[in-house]
Amino acid sequence: MVRKATIEKLINKILKQYTFDLAWIMPFVLMLLLLFRETSSDKQNTCNPMVAKWLFIYFLSDIVFANTKLFKICILKSECSMRSYFFFWLITGLFYYTFMFLWFSYGTMVLYRSSVYCP
């Protein structure tokens, strides 16, 4: 059985990581909203909106995955075992890194296409 002090340390660590993630991501999201607003109003420019959408979805998915860290607290506070906490951590980590790899691959294609085909 895991001691309550260990669980409290894990919860504090998760909350610190969550606040750091949001503090790191939010300025980029706000800047991208301004960029997206400017590029969406320009009808002749077709490349910048694609890059802005790709970056915006990247940062939004980062926010979503940061929010999944809060579910770890629910698992730790419930009477579930550390095994279920480990499996939740493992599954979300695998899903996150797979999604980010695929999204970066797509982003590389978008950036290549915009550098080659756009003036």
PDB file of N, CA and C in Angstrom:
ATOM      1  N   MET A   1       0.846  -1.182   0.000  1.00  0.00           N
ATOM      2  CA  MET A   1       0.000   0.000   0.000  1.00  0.00           C
ATOM      3  C   MET A   1       0.889   1.242   0.000  1.00  0.00           C
ATOM      4  N   VAL A   2       0.483   2.214  -0.749  1.00  0.00           N
ATOM      5  CA  VAL A   2       1.246   3.448  -0.869  1.00  0.00           C
ATOM      6  C   VAL A   2       0.814   4.413   0.231  1.00  0.00           C
ATOM      7  N   ARG A   3       1.798   5.077   0.806  1.00  0.00           N
ATOM      8  CA  ARG A   3       1.493   6.010   1.889  1.00  0.00           C
ATOM      9  C   ARG A   3       0.827   7.275   1.350  1.00  0.00           C
ATOM     10  N   LYS A   4       0.067   7.930   2.225  1.00  0.00           N
ATOM     11  CA  LYS A   4      -0.626   9.156   1.827  1.00  0.00           C
ATOM     12  C   LYS A   4       0.352  10.274   1.509  1.00  0.00           C
ATOM     13  N   ALA A   5       1.493  10.312   2.173  1.00  0.00           N
ATOM     14  CA  ALA A   5       2.485  11.356   1.901  1.00  0.00           C
ATOM     15  C   ALA A   5       3.039  11.224   0.484  1.00  0.00           C
ATOM     16  N   THR A   6       3.233  10.000   0.035  1.00  0.00           N
ATOM     17  CA  THR A   6       3.721   9.777  -1.325  1.00  0.00           C
ATOM     18  C   THR A   6       2.682  10.220  -2.347  1.00  0.00           C
ATOM     19  N   ILE A   7       1.427   9.918  -2.080  1.00  0.00           N
ATOM     20  CA  ILE A   7       0.348  10.326  -2.982  1.00  0.00           C
ATOM     21  C   ILE A   7       0.249  11.848  -3.030  1.00  0.00           C
ATOM     22  N   GLU A   8       0.375  12.501  -1.890  1.00  0.00           N
ATOM     23  CA  GLU A   8       0.323  13.973  -1.864  1.00  0.00           C
ATOM     24  C   GLU A   8       1.488  14.583  -2.632  1.00  0.00           C
ATOM     25  N   LYS A   9       2.670  13.981  -2.535  1.00  0.00           N
ATOM     26  CA  LYS A   9       3.816  14.470  -3.308  1.00  0.00           C
ATOM     27  C   LYS A   9       3.571  14.315  -4.807  1.00  0.00           C
ATOM     28  N   LEU A  10       2.996  13.184  -5.213  1.00  0.00           N
ATOM     29  CA  LEU A  10       2.670  12.977  -6.621  1.00  0.00           C
ATOM     30  C   LEU A  10       1.631  13.985  -7.110  1.00  0.00           C
ATOM     31  N   ILE A  11       0.630  14.250  -6.295  1.00  0.00           N
ATOM     32  CA  ILE A  11      -0.409  15.215  -6.672  1.00  0.00           C
ATOM     33  C   ILE A  11       0.187  16.605  -6.813  1.00  0.00           C
ATOM     34  N   ASN A  12       1.051  17.005  -5.896  1.00  0.00           N
ATOM     35  CA  ASN A  12       1.698  18.313  -5.992  1.00  0.00           C
ATOM     36  C   ASN A  12       2.573  18.407  -7.233  1.00  0.00           C
ATOM     37  N   LYS A  13       3.266  17.328  -7.552  1.00  0.00           N
ATOM     38  CA  LYS A  13       4.106  17.314  -8.749  1.00  0.00           C
ATOM     39  C   LYS A  13       3.255  17.432 -10.004  1.00  0.00           C
ATOM     40  N   ILE A  14       2.125  16.742 -10.055  1.00  0.00           N
ATOM     41  CA  ILE A  14       1.230  16.814 -11.209  1.00  0.00           C
ATOM     42  C   ILE A  14       0.672  18.222 -11.366  1.00  0.00           C
ATOM     43  N   LEU A  15       0.278  18.860 -10.270  1.00  0.00           N
ATOM     44  CA  LEU A  15      -0.259  20.220 -10.346  1.00  0.00           C
ATOM     45  C   LEU A  15       0.801  21.218 -10.801  1.00  0.00           C
ATOM     46  N   LYS A  16       2.036  21.042 -10.355  1.00  0.00           N
ATOM     47  CA  LYS A  16       3.118  21.925 -10.808  1.00  0.00           C
ATOM     48  C   LYS A  16       3.374  21.747 -12.297  1.00  0.00           C
ATOM     49  N   GLN A  17       3.377  20.495 -12.770  1.00  0.00           N
ATOM     50  CA  GLN A  17       3.573  20.248 -14.199  1.00  0.00           C
ATOM     51  C   GLN A  17       2.432  20.843 -15.019  1.00  0.00           C
ATOM     52  N   TYR A  18       1.228  20.728 -14.522  1.00  0.00           N
ATOM     53  CA  TYR A  18       0.056  21.253 -15.230  1.00  0.00           C
ATOM     54  C   TYR A  18       0.134  22.765 -15.361  1.00  0.00           C
ATOM     55  N   THR A  19       0.440  23.455 -14.276  1.00  0.00           N
ATOM     56  CA  THR A  19       0.526  24.917 -14.344  1.00  0.00           C
ATOM     57  C   THR A  19       1.687  25.364 -15.218  1.00  0.00           C
ATOM     58  N   PHE A  20       2.796  24.644 -15.181  1.00  0.00           N
ATOM     59  CA  PHE A  20       3.916  24.985 -16.054  1.00  0.00           C
ATOM     60  C   PHE A  20       3.550  24.779 -17.516  1.00  0.00           C
ATOM     61  N   ASP A  21       2.866  23.678 -17.826  1.00  0.00           N
ATOM     62  CA  ASP A  21       2.446  23.421 -19.209  1.00  0.00           C
ATOM     63  C   ASP A  21       1.528  24.523 -19.725  1.00  0.00           C
ATOM     64  N   LEU A  22       0.544  24.905 -18.927  1.00  0.00           N
ATOM     65  CA  LEU A  22      -0.371  25.958 -19.368  1.00  0.00           C
ATOM     66  C   LEU A  22       0.326  27.307 -19.475  1.00  0.00           C
ATOM     67  N   ALA A  23       1.221  27.603 -18.551  1.00  0.00           N
ATOM     68  CA  ALA A  23       1.947  28.869 -18.618  1.00  0.00           C
ATOM     69  C   ALA A  23       2.858  28.911 -19.843  1.00  0.00           C
ATOM     70  N   TRP A  24       3.348  27.776 -20.263  1.00  0.00           N
ATOM     71  CA  TRP A  24       4.219  27.707 -21.431  1.00  0.00           C
ATOM     72  C   TRP A  24       3.423  27.789 -22.733  1.00  0.00           C
ATOM     73  N   ILE A  25       2.244  27.197 -22.781  1.00  0.00           N
ATOM     74  CA  ILE A  25       1.480  27.079 -24.013  1.00  0.00           C
ATOM     75  C   ILE A  25       0.618  28.307 -24.300  1.00  0.00           C
ATOM     76  N   MET A  26       0.015  28.904 -23.304  1.00  0.00           N
ATOM     77  CA  MET A  26      -0.979  29.953 -23.524  1.00  0.00           C
ATOM     78  C   MET A  26      -0.467  31.168 -24.299  1.00  0.00           C
ATOM     79  N   PRO A  27       0.745  31.682 -24.071  1.00  0.00           N
ATOM     80  CA  PRO A  27       1.183  32.821 -24.910  1.00  0.00           C
ATOM     81  C   PRO A  27       1.257  32.474 -26.391  1.00  0.00           C
ATOM     82  N   PHE A  28       1.667  31.250 -26.707  1.00  0.00           N
ATOM     83  CA  PHE A  28       1.727  30.838 -28.108  1.00  0.00           C
ATOM     84  C   PHE A  28       0.331  30.741 -28.716  1.00  0.00           C
ATOM     85  N   VAL A  29      -0.612  30.246 -27.953  1.00  0.00           N
ATOM     86  CA  VAL A  29      -1.983  30.137 -28.456  1.00  0.00           C
ATOM     87  C   VAL A  29      -2.563  31.529 -28.719  1.00  0.00           C
ATOM     88  N   LEU A  30      -2.303  32.449 -27.822  1.00  0.00           N
ATOM     89  CA  LEU A  30      -2.814  33.807 -28.023  1.00  0.00           C
ATOM     90  C   LEU A  30      -2.177  34.473 -29.243  1.00  0.00           C
ATOM     91  N   MET A  31      -0.874  34.276 -29.437  1.00  0.00           N
ATOM     92  CA  MET A  31      -0.213  34.835 -30.617  1.00  0.00           C
ATOM     93  C   MET A  31      -0.752  34.186 -31.899  1.00  0.00           C
ATOM     94  N   LEU A  32      -0.990  32.889 -31.849  1.00  0.00           N
ATOM     95  CA  LEU A  32      -1.518  32.212 -33.028  1.00  0.00           C
ATOM     96  C   LEU A  32      -2.947  32.629 -33.352  1.00  0.00           C
ATOM     97  N   LEU A  33      -3.719  32.945 -32.335  1.00  0.00           N
ATOM     98  CA  LEU A  33      -5.065  33.452 -32.604  1.00  0.00           C
ATOM     99  C   LEU A  33      -5.001  34.774 -33.373  1.00  0.00           C
ATOM    100  N   LEU A  34      -4.070  35.646 -32.999  1.00  0.00           N
ATOM    101  CA  LEU A  34      -3.903  36.891 -33.734  1.00  0.00           C
ATOM    102  C   LEU A  34      -3.411  36.634 -35.159  1.00  0.00           C
ATOM    103  N   LEU A  35      -2.454  35.735 -35.301  1.00  0.00           N
ATOM    104  CA  LEU A  35      -1.945  35.395 -36.627  1.00  0.00           C
ATOM    105  C   LEU A  35      -3.034  34.771 -37.490  1.00  0.00           C
ATOM    106  N   PHE A  36      -3.805  33.878 -36.905  1.00  0.00           N
ATOM    107  CA  PHE A  36      -4.867  33.202 -37.638  1.00  0.00           C
ATOM    108  C   PHE A  36      -5.938  34.191 -38.081  1.00  0.00           C
ATOM    109  N   ARG A  37      -6.237  35.170 -37.237  1.00  0.00           N
ATOM    110  CA  ARG A  37      -7.228  36.183 -37.596  1.00  0.00           C
ATOM    111  C   ARG A  37      -6.749  37.024 -38.781  1.00  0.00           C
ATOM    112  N   GLU A  38      -5.457  37.359 -38.776  1.00  0.00           N
ATOM    113  CA  GLU A  38      -4.918  38.157 -39.873  1.00  0.00           C
ATOM    114  C   GLU A  38      -4.854  37.358 -41.168  1.00  0.00           C
ATOM    115  N   THR A  39      -4.425  36.105 -41.087  1.00  0.00           N
ATOM    116  CA  THR A  39      -4.275  35.310 -42.310  1.00  0.00           C
ATOM    117  C   THR A  39      -5.607  34.847 -42.871  1.00  0.00           C
ATOM    118  N   SER A  40      -6.608  34.684 -42.030  1.00  0.00           N
ATOM    119  CA  SER A  40      -7.906  34.243 -42.551  1.00  0.00           C
ATOM    120  C   SER A  40      -8.633  35.368 -43.280  1.00  0.00           C
ATOM    121  N   SER A  41      -8.307  36.610 -42.965  1.00  0.00           N
ATOM    122  CA  SER A  41      -8.959  37.723 -43.660  1.00  0.00           C
ATOM    123  C   SER A  41      -8.339  37.981 -45.031  1.00  0.00           C
ATOM    124  N   ASP A  42      -7.112  37.493 -45.254  1.00  0.00           N
ATOM    125  CA  ASP A  42      -6.447  37.670 -46.547  1.00  0.00           C
ATOM    126  C   ASP A  42      -6.815  36.500 -47.446  1.00  0.00           C
ATOM    127  N   LYS A  43      -7.659  36.742 -48.441  1.00  0.00           N
ATOM    128  CA  LYS A  43      -8.163  35.663 -49.295  1.00  0.00           C
ATOM    129  C   LYS A  43      -7.143  35.204 -50.340  1.00  0.00           C
ATOM    130  N   GLN A  44      -6.159  36.048 -50.688  1.00  0.00           N
ATOM    131  CA  GLN A  44      -5.191  35.671 -51.703  1.00  0.00           C
ATOM    132  C   GLN A  44      -4.082  34.786 -51.135  1.00  0.00           C
ATOM    133  N   ASN A  45      -3.837  34.878 -49.872  1.00  0.00           N
ATOM    134  CA  ASN A  45      -2.772  34.095 -49.246  1.00  0.00           C
ATOM    135  C   ASN A  45      -3.343  32.756 -48.803  1.00  0.00           C
ATOM    136  N   THR A  46      -2.889  31.661 -49.421  1.00  0.00           N
ATOM    137  CA  THR A  46      -3.431  30.342 -49.088  1.00  0.00           C
ATOM    138  C   THR A  46      -2.474  29.508 -48.252  1.00  0.00           C
ATOM    139  N   CYS A  47      -1.213  29.920 -48.114  1.00  0.00           N
ATOM    140  CA  CYS A  47      -0.235  29.085 -47.414  1.00  0.00           C
ATOM    141  C   CYS A  47      -0.161  29.384 -45.926  1.00  0.00           C
ATOM    142  N   ASN A  48      -0.199  30.658 -45.567  1.00  0.00           N
ATOM    143  CA  ASN A  48      -0.084  30.995 -44.155  1.00  0.00           C
ATOM    144  C   ASN A  48      -1.233  30.451 -43.308  1.00  0.00           C
ATOM    145  N   PRO A  49      -2.480  30.439 -43.786  1.00  0.00           N
ATOM    146  CA  PRO A  49      -3.530  29.833 -42.970  1.00  0.00           C
ATOM    147  C   PRO A  49      -3.302  28.348 -42.699  1.00  0.00           C
ATOM    148  N   MET A  50      -2.703  27.633 -43.648  1.00  0.00           N
ATOM    149  CA  MET A  50      -2.427  26.208 -43.417  1.00  0.00           C
ATOM    150  C   MET A  50      -1.416  26.030 -42.285  1.00  0.00           C
ATOM    151  N   VAL A  51      -0.378  26.838 -42.295  1.00  0.00           N
ATOM    152  CA  VAL A  51       0.639  26.752 -41.248  1.00  0.00           C
ATOM    153  C   VAL A  51       0.057  27.195 -39.911  1.00  0.00           C
ATOM    154  N   ALA A  52      -0.752  28.255 -39.933  1.00  0.00           N
ATOM    155  CA  ALA A  52      -1.369  28.739 -38.696  1.00  0.00           C
ATOM    156  C   ALA A  52      -2.322  27.690 -38.115  1.00  0.00           C
ATOM    157  N   LYS A  53      -3.099  27.021 -38.978  1.00  0.00           N
ATOM    158  CA  LYS A  53      -4.002  25.963 -38.495  1.00  0.00           C
ATOM    159  C   LYS A  53      -3.213  24.816 -37.891  1.00  0.00           C
ATOM    160  N   TRP A  54      -2.113  24.437 -38.555  1.00  0.00           N
ATOM    161  CA  TRP A  54      -1.303  23.335 -38.047  1.00  0.00           C
ATOM    162  C   TRP A  54      -0.740  23.676 -36.667  1.00  0.00           C
ATOM    163  N   LEU A  55      -0.191  24.883 -36.514  1.00  0.00           N
ATOM    164  CA  LEU A  55       0.361  25.289 -35.221  1.00  0.00           C
ATOM    165  C   LEU A  55      -0.722  25.420 -34.162  1.00  0.00           C
ATOM    166  N   PHE A  56      -1.860  25.950 -34.555  1.00  0.00           N
ATOM    167  CA  PHE A  56      -2.951  26.126 -33.607  1.00  0.00           C
ATOM    168  C   PHE A  56      -3.445  24.781 -33.083  1.00  0.00           C
ATOM    169  N   ILE A  57      -3.613  23.813 -33.966  1.00  0.00           N
ATOM    170  CA  ILE A  57      -4.053  22.480 -33.532  1.00  0.00           C
ATOM    171  C   ILE A  57      -2.982  21.818 -32.679  1.00  0.00           C
ATOM    172  N   TYR A  58      -1.717  22.063 -32.996  1.00  0.00           N
ATOM    173  CA  TYR A  58      -0.633  21.514 -32.168  1.00  0.00           C
ATOM    174  C   TYR A  58      -0.733  22.036 -30.740  1.00  0.00           C
ATOM    175  N   PHE A  59      -0.885  23.336 -30.579  1.00  0.00           N
ATOM    176  CA  PHE A  59      -0.939  23.897 -29.232  1.00  0.00           C
ATOM    177  C   PHE A  59      -2.241  23.547 -28.519  1.00  0.00           C
ATOM    178  N   LEU A  60      -3.336  23.442 -29.255  1.00  0.00           N
ATOM    179  CA  LEU A  60      -4.578  22.997 -28.625  1.00  0.00           C
ATOM    180  C   LEU A  60      -4.472  21.551 -28.144  1.00  0.00           C
ATOM    181  N   SER A  61      -3.822  20.701 -28.922  1.00  0.00           N
ATOM    182  CA  SER A  61      -3.647  19.319 -28.469  1.00  0.00           C
ATOM    183  C   SER A  61      -2.718  19.262 -27.265  1.00  0.00           C
ATOM    184  N   ASP A  62      -1.764  20.162 -27.192  1.00  0.00           N
ATOM    185  CA  ASP A  62      -0.927  20.239 -25.999  1.00  0.00           C
ATOM    186  C   ASP A  62      -1.751  20.609 -24.772  1.00  0.00           C
ATOM    187  N   ILE A  63      -2.695  21.513 -24.938  1.00  0.00           N
ATOM    188  CA  ILE A  63      -3.568  21.886 -23.822  1.00  0.00           C
ATOM    189  C   ILE A  63      -4.442  20.705 -23.419  1.00  0.00           C
ATOM    190  N   VAL A  64      -4.967  19.986 -24.392  1.00  0.00           N
ATOM    191  CA  VAL A  64      -5.803  18.817 -24.084  1.00  0.00           C
ATOM    192  C   VAL A  64      -5.000  17.772 -23.325  1.00  0.00           C
ATOM    193  N   PHE A  65      -3.781  17.498 -23.776  1.00  0.00           N
ATOM    194  CA  PHE A  65      -2.969  16.500 -23.088  1.00  0.00           C
ATOM    195  C   PHE A  65      -2.509  16.992 -21.722  1.00  0.00           C
ATOM    196  N   ALA A  66      -2.359  18.302 -21.557  1.00  0.00           N
ATOM    197  CA  ALA A  66      -2.048  18.829 -20.226  1.00  0.00           C
ATOM    198  C   ALA A  66      -3.234  18.619 -19.285  1.00  0.00           C
ATOM    199  N   ASN A  67      -4.439  18.758 -19.822  1.00  0.00           N
ATOM    200  CA  ASN A  67      -5.623  18.544 -18.988  1.00  0.00           C
ATOM    201  C   ASN A  67      -5.818  17.079 -18.617  1.00  0.00           C
ATOM    202  N   THR A  68      -5.317  16.163 -19.423  1.00  0.00           N
ATOM    203  CA  THR A  68      -5.424  14.749 -19.047  1.00  0.00           C
ATOM    204  C   THR A  68      -4.560  14.424 -17.836  1.00  0.00           C
ATOM    205  N   LYS A  69      -3.575  15.266 -17.576  1.00  0.00           N
ATOM    206  CA  LYS A  69      -2.767  15.057 -16.372  1.00  0.00           C
ATOM    207  C   LYS A  69      -3.604  15.204 -15.108  1.00  0.00           C
ATOM    208  N   LEU A  70      -4.667  15.993 -15.194  1.00  0.00           N
ATOM    209  CA  LEU A  70      -5.519  16.167 -14.022  1.00  0.00           C
ATOM    210  C   LEU A  70      -6.290  14.896 -13.681  1.00  0.00           C
ATOM    211  N   PHE A  71      -6.518  14.031 -14.665  1.00  0.00           N
ATOM    212  CA  PHE A  71      -7.175  12.758 -14.383  1.00  0.00           C
ATOM    213  C   PHE A  71      -6.303  11.852 -13.516  1.00  0.00           C
ATOM    214  N   LYS A  72      -5.001  12.068 -13.577  1.00  0.00           N
ATOM    215  CA  LYS A  72      -4.109  11.287 -12.709  1.00  0.00           C
ATOM    216  C   LYS A  72      -4.406  11.571 -11.242  1.00  0.00           C
ATOM    217  N   ILE A  73      -4.781  12.815 -10.957  1.00  0.00           N
ATOM    218  CA  ILE A  73      -5.111  13.166  -9.574  1.00  0.00           C
ATOM    219  C   ILE A  73      -6.356  12.407  -9.127  1.00  0.00           C
ATOM    220  N   CYS A  74      -7.343  12.314  -9.998  1.00  0.00           N
ATOM    221  CA  CYS A  74      -8.563  11.563  -9.654  1.00  0.00           C
ATOM    222  C   CYS A  74      -8.243  10.102  -9.377  1.00  0.00           C
ATOM    223  N   ILE A  75      -7.349   9.540 -10.169  1.00  0.00           N
ATOM    224  CA  ILE A  75      -6.971   8.138  -9.965  1.00  0.00           C
ATOM    225  C   ILE A  75      -6.229   7.983  -8.648  1.00  0.00           C
ATOM    226  N   LEU A  76      -5.339   8.929  -8.341  1.00  0.00           N
ATOM    227  CA  LEU A  76      -4.583   8.829  -7.090  1.00  0.00           C
ATOM    228  C   LEU A  76      -5.473   9.030  -5.869  1.00  0.00           C
ATOM    229  N   LYS A  77      -6.459   9.914  -5.966  1.00  0.00           N
ATOM    230  CA  LYS A  77      -7.335  10.173  -4.823  1.00  0.00           C
ATOM    231  C   LYS A  77      -8.340   9.052  -4.594  1.00  0.00           C
ATOM    232  N   SER A  78      -8.677   8.329  -5.668  1.00  0.00           N
ATOM    233  CA  SER A  78      -9.604   7.216  -5.490  1.00  0.00           C
ATOM    234  C   SER A  78      -8.848   6.048  -4.847  1.00  0.00           C
ATOM    235  N   GLU A  79      -9.546   5.021  -4.573  1.00  0.00           N
ATOM    236  CA  GLU A  79      -8.941   3.866  -3.915  1.00  0.00           C
ATOM    237  C   GLU A  79      -8.349   2.883  -4.910  1.00  0.00           C
ATOM    238  N   CYS A  80      -8.081   3.339  -6.118  1.00  0.00           N
ATOM    239  CA  CYS A  80      -7.470   2.470  -7.121  1.00  0.00           C
ATOM    240  C   CYS A  80      -6.014   2.214  -6.760  1.00  0.00           C
ATOM    241  N   SER A  81      -5.481   1.183  -7.328  1.00  0.00           N
ATOM    242  CA  SER A  81      -4.097   0.838  -7.026  1.00  0.00           C
ATOM    243  C   SER A  81      -3.141   1.677  -7.858  1.00  0.00           C
ATOM    244  N   MET A  82      -1.880   1.601  -7.514  1.00  0.00           N
ATOM    245  CA  MET A  82      -0.851   2.293  -8.282  1.00  0.00           C
ATOM    246  C   MET A  82      -0.702   1.655  -9.663  1.00  0.00           C
ATOM    247  N   ARG A  83      -1.164   0.436  -9.789  1.00  0.00           N
ATOM    248  CA  ARG A  83      -1.101  -0.247 -11.079  1.00  0.00           C
ATOM    249  C   ARG A  83      -1.994   0.459 -12.097  1.00  0.00           C
ATOM    250  N   SER A  84      -3.202   0.839 -11.687  1.00  0.00           N
ATOM    251  CA  SER A  84      -4.088   1.558 -12.607  1.00  0.00           C
ATOM    252  C   SER A  84      -3.529   2.941 -12.931  1.00  0.00           C
ATOM    253  N   TYR A  85      -2.875   3.585 -11.967  1.00  0.00           N
ATOM    254  CA  TYR A  85      -2.213   4.869 -12.225  1.00  0.00           C
ATOM    255  C   TYR A  85      -1.112   4.690 -13.255  1.00  0.00           C
ATOM    256  N   PHE A  86      -0.327   3.626 -13.128  1.00  0.00           N
ATOM    257  CA  PHE A  86       0.763   3.364 -14.074  1.00  0.00           C
ATOM    258  C   PHE A  86       0.220   3.100 -15.474  1.00  0.00           C
ATOM    259  N   PHE A  87      -0.845   2.294 -15.573  1.00  0.00           N
ATOM    260  CA  PHE A  87      -1.411   1.996 -16.887  1.00  0.00           C
ATOM    261  C   PHE A  87      -2.034   3.235 -17.531  1.00  0.00           C
ATOM    262  N   PHE A  88      -2.672   4.082 -16.736  1.00  0.00           N
ATOM    263  CA  PHE A  88      -3.203   5.327 -17.274  1.00  0.00           C
ATOM    264  C   PHE A  88      -2.069   6.193 -17.796  1.00  0.00           C
ATOM    265  N   TRP A  89      -1.008   6.301 -17.035  1.00  0.00           N
ATOM    266  CA  TRP A  89       0.159   7.084 -17.446  1.00  0.00           C
ATOM    267  C   TRP A  89       0.764   6.510 -18.715  1.00  0.00           C
ATOM    268  N   LEU A  90       0.867   5.193 -18.791  1.00  0.00           N
ATOM    269  CA  LEU A  90       1.456   4.533 -19.949  1.00  0.00           C
ATOM    270  C   LEU A  90       0.603   4.737 -21.206  1.00  0.00           C
ATOM    271  N   ILE A  91      -0.694   4.537 -21.094  1.00  0.00           N
ATOM    272  CA  ILE A  91      -1.580   4.659 -22.254  1.00  0.00           C
ATOM    273  C   ILE A  91      -1.631   6.101 -22.750  1.00  0.00           C
ATOM    274  N   THR A  92      -1.768   7.066 -21.851  1.00  0.00           N
ATOM    275  CA  THR A  92      -1.806   8.463 -22.295  1.00  0.00           C
ATOM    276  C   THR A  92      -0.464   8.896 -22.872  1.00  0.00           C
ATOM    277  N   GLY A  93       0.625   8.405 -22.324  1.00  0.00           N
ATOM    278  CA  GLY A  93       1.944   8.737 -22.865  1.00  0.00           C
ATOM    279  C   GLY A  93       2.141   8.184 -24.262  1.00  0.00           C
ATOM    280  N   LEU A  94       1.752   6.931 -24.459  1.00  0.00           N
ATOM    281  CA  LEU A  94       1.868   6.335 -25.792  1.00  0.00           C
ATOM    282  C   LEU A  94       0.985   7.064 -26.806  1.00  0.00           C
ATOM    283  N   PHE A  95      -0.231   7.382 -26.411  1.00  0.00           N
ATOM    284  CA  PHE A  95      -1.137   8.099 -27.303  1.00  0.00           C
ATOM    285  C   PHE A  95      -0.585   9.481 -27.621  1.00  0.00           C
ATOM    286  N   TYR A  96      -0.059  10.182 -26.614  1.00  0.00           N
ATOM    287  CA  TYR A  96       0.479  11.531 -26.810  1.00  0.00           C
ATOM    288  C   TYR A  96       1.665  11.520 -27.773  1.00  0.00           C
ATOM    289  N   TYR A  97       2.633  10.641 -27.539  1.00  0.00           N
ATOM    290  CA  TYR A  97       3.820  10.637 -28.377  1.00  0.00           C
ATOM    291  C   TYR A  97       3.529  10.137 -29.800  1.00  0.00           C
ATOM    292  N   THR A  98       2.593   9.213 -29.940  1.00  0.00           N
ATOM    293  CA  THR A  98       2.203   8.777 -31.277  1.00  0.00           C
ATOM    294  C   THR A  98       1.509   9.906 -32.030  1.00  0.00           C
ATOM    295  N   PHE A  99       0.589  10.587 -31.360  1.00  0.00           N
ATOM    296  CA  PHE A  99      -0.114  11.697 -31.991  1.00  0.00           C
ATOM    297  C   PHE A  99       0.864  12.807 -32.374  1.00  0.00           C
ATOM    298  N   MET A 100       1.780  13.156 -31.477  1.00  0.00           N
ATOM    299  CA  MET A 100       2.724  14.233 -31.771  1.00  0.00           C
ATOM    300  C   MET A 100       3.666  13.859 -32.917  1.00  0.00           C
ATOM    301  N   PHE A 101       4.078  12.610 -32.988  1.00  0.00           N
ATOM    302  CA  PHE A 101       4.938  12.190 -34.099  1.00  0.00           C
ATOM    303  C   PHE A 101       4.196  12.326 -35.419  1.00  0.00           C
ATOM    304  N   LEU A 102       2.951  11.847 -35.458  1.00  0.00           N
ATOM    305  CA  LEU A 102       2.168  11.950 -36.684  1.00  0.00           C
ATOM    306  C   LEU A 102       1.859  13.405 -37.034  1.00  0.00           C
ATOM    307  N   TRP A 103       1.589  14.223 -36.007  1.00  0.00           N
ATOM    308  CA  TRP A 103       1.276  15.620 -36.270  1.00  0.00           C
ATOM    309  C   TRP A 103       2.508  16.389 -36.750  1.00  0.00           C
ATOM    310  N   PHE A 104       3.678  16.076 -36.209  1.00  0.00           N
ATOM    311  CA  PHE A 104       4.901  16.711 -36.701  1.00  0.00           C
ATOM    312  C   PHE A 104       5.222  16.260 -38.118  1.00  0.00           C
ATOM    313  N   SER A 105       4.934  15.015 -38.441  1.00  0.00           N
ATOM    314  CA  SER A 105       5.141  14.549 -39.816  1.00  0.00           C
ATOM    315  C   SER A 105       4.229  15.306 -40.772  1.00  0.00           C
ATOM    316  N   TYR A 106       2.981  15.474 -40.399  1.00  0.00           N
ATOM    317  CA  TYR A 106       2.057  16.259 -41.213  1.00  0.00           C
ATOM    318  C   TYR A 106       2.526  17.712 -41.312  1.00  0.00           C
ATOM    319  N   GLY A 107       2.998  18.271 -40.209  1.00  0.00           N
ATOM    320  CA  GLY A 107       3.482  19.646 -40.208  1.00  0.00           C
ATOM    321  C   GLY A 107       4.700  19.840 -41.090  1.00  0.00           C
ATOM    322  N   THR A 108       5.557  18.832 -41.156  1.00  0.00           N
ATOM    323  CA  THR A 108       6.702  18.910 -42.052  1.00  0.00           C
ATOM    324  C   THR A 108       6.237  18.973 -43.498  1.00  0.00           C
ATOM    325  N   MET A 109       5.227  18.197 -43.839  1.00  0.00           N
ATOM    326  CA  MET A 109       4.681  18.254 -45.204  1.00  0.00           C
ATOM    327  C   MET A 109       4.048  19.617 -45.481  1.00  0.00           C
ATOM    328  N   VAL A 110       3.334  20.169 -44.504  1.00  0.00           N
ATOM    329  CA  VAL A 110       2.708  21.477 -44.688  1.00  0.00           C
ATOM    330  C   VAL A 110       3.773  22.554 -44.887  1.00  0.00           C
ATOM    331  N   LEU A 111       4.805  22.528 -44.069  1.00  0.00           N
ATOM    332  CA  LEU A 111       5.864  23.538 -44.193  1.00  0.00           C
ATOM    333  C   LEU A 111       6.637  23.374 -45.494  1.00  0.00           C
ATOM    334  N   TYR A 112       6.880  22.153 -45.905  1.00  0.00           N
ATOM    335  CA  TYR A 112       7.575  21.926 -47.175  1.00  0.00           C
ATOM    336  C   TYR A 112       6.729  22.424 -48.347  1.00  0.00           C
ATOM    337  N   ARG A 113       5.440  22.093 -48.310  1.00  0.00           N
ATOM    338  CA  ARG A 113       4.540  22.524 -49.370  1.00  0.00           C
ATOM    339  C   ARG A 113       4.450  24.055 -49.428  1.00  0.00           C
ATOM    340  N   SER A 114       4.423  24.697 -48.262  1.00  0.00           N
ATOM    341  CA  SER A 114       4.321  26.153 -48.266  1.00  0.00           C
ATOM    342  C   SER A 114       5.614  26.809 -48.706  1.00  0.00           C
ATOM    343  N   SER A 115       6.759  26.166 -48.452  1.00  0.00           N
ATOM    344  CA  SER A 115       8.028  26.764 -48.884  1.00  0.00           C
ATOM    345  C   SER A 115       8.288  26.551 -50.362  1.00  0.00           C
ATOM    346  N   VAL A 116       7.761  25.482 -50.938  1.00  0.00           N
ATOM    347  CA  VAL A 116       8.005  25.190 -52.350  1.00  0.00           C
ATOM    348  C   VAL A 116       6.957  25.845 -53.258  1.00  0.00           C
ATOM    349  N   TYR A 117       5.692  25.723 -52.895  1.00  0.00           N
ATOM    350  CA  TYR A 117       4.632  26.147 -53.810  1.00  0.00           C
ATOM    351  C   TYR A 117       4.114  27.567 -53.568  1.00  0.00           C
ATOM    352  N   CYS A 118       4.492  28.187 -52.475  1.00  0.00           N
ATOM    353  CA  CYS A 118       3.983  29.529 -52.194  1.00  0.00           C
ATOM    354  C   CYS A 118       5.072  30.566 -52.441  1.00  0.00           C
ATOM    355  N   PRO A 119       4.670  31.733 -52.914  1.00  0.00           N
ATOM    356  CA  PRO A 119       5.672  32.776 -53.191  1.00  0.00           C
ATOM    357  C   PRO A 119       6.251  33.389 -51.947  1.00  0.00           C
TER     358      PRO A 119
END
